[in-house]
Each structure stands twice: as structure tokens, then as C-alpha cells.
Amino acid sequence: MCFDNLSSCDLIGLASSLAIFLGENLSTNEISILSDFFEALGDNLSIIATKKSIEQS
């Protein structure tokens, strides 16, 4: 899947659908841990993207 070709609405819909799908059969504690994991993943991806952008400038 190429995320560059998705609109902002498509990305929001995809994220919402994935969250609902993943959270359906998890406990509250498991959802919280998974949420924290994805937050950390997103933060690290942002750092990598920023670093690449600086290196390409």
C-alpha cells in the first residue's frame, strides 16, 4: 500500500478502522499498552523522517 496516494480522509478512515479492529478483542490494559507502543513508534518514525530531511537539504 502506498500511503502517498491516500487522501487525509482515507488515512483517518484507515486508522479508525484498524483501531476498532485491533481493539475489539483486547482488554483495556492491552489496548493501553498497544496505544503506547504505536505512539512510541510514531515518535521514532518522526525523528527518522526529520533526520532524513535534514540530511537531504
Protein backbone atom coordinates (compact mmCIF):
# COMPACT_ATOMS: atom_id res chain seq x y z
CA MET A 1 0.00 0.00 0.00
CA CYS A 2 1.33 3.43 -0.92
CA PHE A 3 0.30 5.94 1.73
CA ASP A 4 1.32 8.86 -0.50
CA ASN A 5 -1.69 8.20 -2.72
CA LEU A 6 -4.27 8.23 0.09
CA SER A 7 -6.22 11.36 0.97
CA SER A 8 -6.32 12.66 4.52
CA CYS A 9 -9.86 11.29 4.86
CA ASP A 10 -8.71 7.88 3.64
CA LEU A 11 -5.87 7.85 6.18
CA ILE A 12 -8.24 8.81 9.01
CA GLY A 13 -10.68 6.09 7.94
CA LEU A 14 -7.90 3.52 7.73
CA ALA A 15 -6.54 4.43 11.17
CA SER A 16 -10.02 4.36 12.72
CA SER A 17 -10.89 1.02 11.15
CA LEU A 18 -7.60 -0.50 12.24
CA ALA A 19 -8.03 0.76 15.81
CA ILE A 20 -11.54 -0.68 16.01
CA PHE A 21 -10.40 -4.00 14.55
CA LEU A 22 -7.42 -4.30 16.90
CA GLY A 23 -9.31 -3.15 19.99
CA GLU A 24 -12.34 -5.42 19.65
CA ASN A 25 -10.88 -8.42 21.45
CA LEU A 26 -8.30 -6.78 23.72
CA SER A 27 -8.56 -5.89 27.37
CA THR A 28 -8.35 -2.26 28.47
CA ASN A 29 -4.79 -2.86 29.65
CA GLU A 30 -3.77 -4.44 26.33
CA ILE A 31 -5.31 -1.54 24.39
CA SER A 32 -3.39 0.92 26.56
CA ILE A 33 -0.09 -0.90 26.01
CA LEU A 34 -0.68 -1.14 22.26
CA SER A 35 -1.58 2.55 22.15
CA ASP A 36 1.63 3.48 23.95
CA PHE A 37 3.61 1.26 21.59
CA PHE A 38 2.17 2.93 18.48
CA GLU A 39 2.76 6.36 20.00
CA ALA A 40 6.43 5.48 20.54
CA LEU A 41 6.63 4.04 17.03
CA GLY A 42 5.18 7.23 15.56
CA ASP A 43 7.56 9.42 17.55
CA ASN A 44 10.55 7.41 16.33
CA LEU A 45 9.36 7.50 12.72
CA SER A 46 9.03 11.28 13.03
CA ILE A 47 12.62 11.55 14.28
CA ILE A 48 13.85 9.40 11.37
CA ALA A 49 11.90 11.48 8.84
CA THR A 50 13.25 14.73 10.29
CA LYS A 51 16.81 13.42 10.24
CA LYS A 52 16.47 12.27 6.61
CA SER A 53 15.01 15.63 5.64
CA ILE A 54 17.94 17.47 7.22
CA GLU A 55 20.47 15.18 5.54
CA GLN A 56 18.87 15.73 2.11
CA SER A 57 18.93 19.52 2.47
